[in-house]
Amino acid sequence: MIPVDNVVATEYNENAEFKTVKSTEIPSDWMGLDIGPNTRENFANAIKGAGTVVWNGPMGVSEWKNFAAGTFAVATAVASL
């Protein structure tokens, strides 16, 4: 699975301007720093009922509040198993 939307920012900075866009519409001068809300829902639904989950890292820059929602959403989905 790949993200269908992303939280993007103007720069790699905790306080950078950010917005959510479709993955196919990331502006060339912005960068993806987290998965978006539709992707969070898709990933959580894919995890439901899983017997085993192998996780290889965060969904975004989870150390920064503005870019941590994807990681927390997936972690919550895994914890609900």
Protein backbone atom coordinates (compact mmCIF):
# COMPACT_ATOMS: atom_id res chain seq x y z
CA MET A 1 0.00 0.00 0.00
CA ILE A 2 1.14 3.51 -0.72
CA PRO A 3 -0.25 6.80 0.60
CA VAL A 4 -3.15 8.42 -1.25
CA ASP A 5 -2.62 11.73 0.57
CA ASN A 6 0.21 13.35 2.48
CA VAL A 7 0.86 16.13 4.94
CA VAL A 8 3.42 18.28 3.15
CA ALA A 9 5.54 21.19 4.30
CA THR A 10 7.57 23.99 2.81
CA GLU A 11 10.71 22.77 4.59
CA TYR A 12 12.01 20.15 7.00
CA ASN A 13 11.22 22.16 10.10
CA GLU A 14 8.94 21.54 13.07
CA ASN A 15 7.21 24.90 12.55
CA ALA A 16 7.06 24.91 8.76
CA GLU A 17 3.89 25.83 6.90
CA PHE A 18 2.01 22.60 6.12
CA LYS A 19 -1.10 21.31 4.38
CA THR A 20 -2.67 18.04 3.25
CA VAL A 21 -2.71 17.17 -0.45
CA LYS A 22 -3.31 14.13 -2.64
CA SER A 23 -0.12 12.14 -3.19
CA THR A 24 -0.28 12.91 -6.90
CA GLU A 25 -0.48 16.65 -6.24
CA ILE A 26 2.52 17.38 -4.01
CA PRO A 27 3.90 20.76 -5.11
CA SER A 28 7.45 20.48 -6.44
CA ASP A 29 8.79 22.87 -3.80
CA TRP A 30 7.11 21.09 -0.83
CA MET A 31 8.03 17.81 0.89
CA GLY A 32 5.95 15.00 2.36
CA LEU A 33 6.42 14.70 6.12
CA ASP A 34 3.46 12.49 7.12
CA ILE A 35 0.65 10.41 5.69
CA GLY A 36 -2.69 12.17 5.30
CA PRO A 37 -6.06 11.39 6.91
CA ASN A 38 -7.37 9.19 4.09
CA THR A 39 -4.19 7.13 4.13
CA ARG A 40 -4.38 6.81 7.93
CA GLU A 41 -7.86 5.35 7.57
CA ASN A 42 -6.78 3.03 4.72
CA PHE A 43 -3.79 1.74 6.66
CA ALA A 44 -5.84 1.24 9.86
CA ASN A 45 -8.46 -0.71 7.92
CA ALA A 46 -5.77 -2.88 6.32
CA ILE A 47 -4.38 -3.73 9.76
CA LYS A 48 -7.76 -4.84 11.16
CA GLY A 49 -7.79 -8.56 11.77
CA ALA A 50 -4.09 -9.02 11.08
CA GLY A 51 -2.42 -11.88 12.91
CA THR A 52 1.06 -10.41 12.51
CA VAL A 53 2.22 -6.87 11.80
CA VAL A 54 5.81 -6.09 10.83
CA TRP A 55 6.49 -2.40 11.24
CA ASN A 56 9.64 -0.75 9.98
CA GLY A 57 9.40 2.78 11.33
CA PRO A 58 7.14 5.82 11.65
CA MET A 59 4.75 7.12 9.01
CA GLY A 60 6.18 10.63 9.20
CA VAL A 61 8.33 12.87 11.35
CA SER A 62 6.70 11.57 14.51
CA GLU A 63 8.86 13.66 16.82
CA TRP A 64 7.05 16.79 15.61
CA LYS A 65 3.38 17.33 16.55
CA ASN A 66 2.33 18.60 13.12
CA PHE A 67 3.65 15.46 11.42
CA ALA A 68 2.96 12.71 13.97
CA ALA A 69 -0.73 11.91 13.36
CA GLY A 70 -0.01 9.16 10.83
CA THR A 71 2.32 7.31 13.17
CA PHE A 72 -0.13 7.58 16.06
CA ALA A 73 -3.02 6.37 13.88
CA VAL A 74 -1.14 3.28 12.75
CA ALA A 75 0.15 2.60 16.27
CA THR A 76 -3.40 2.84 17.61
CA ALA A 77 -4.60 0.40 14.95
CA VAL A 78 -1.85 -2.07 15.86
CA ALA A 79 -2.55 -1.66 19.58
CA SER A 80 -6.24 -2.44 19.00
CA LEU A 81 -5.33 -5.91 17.75
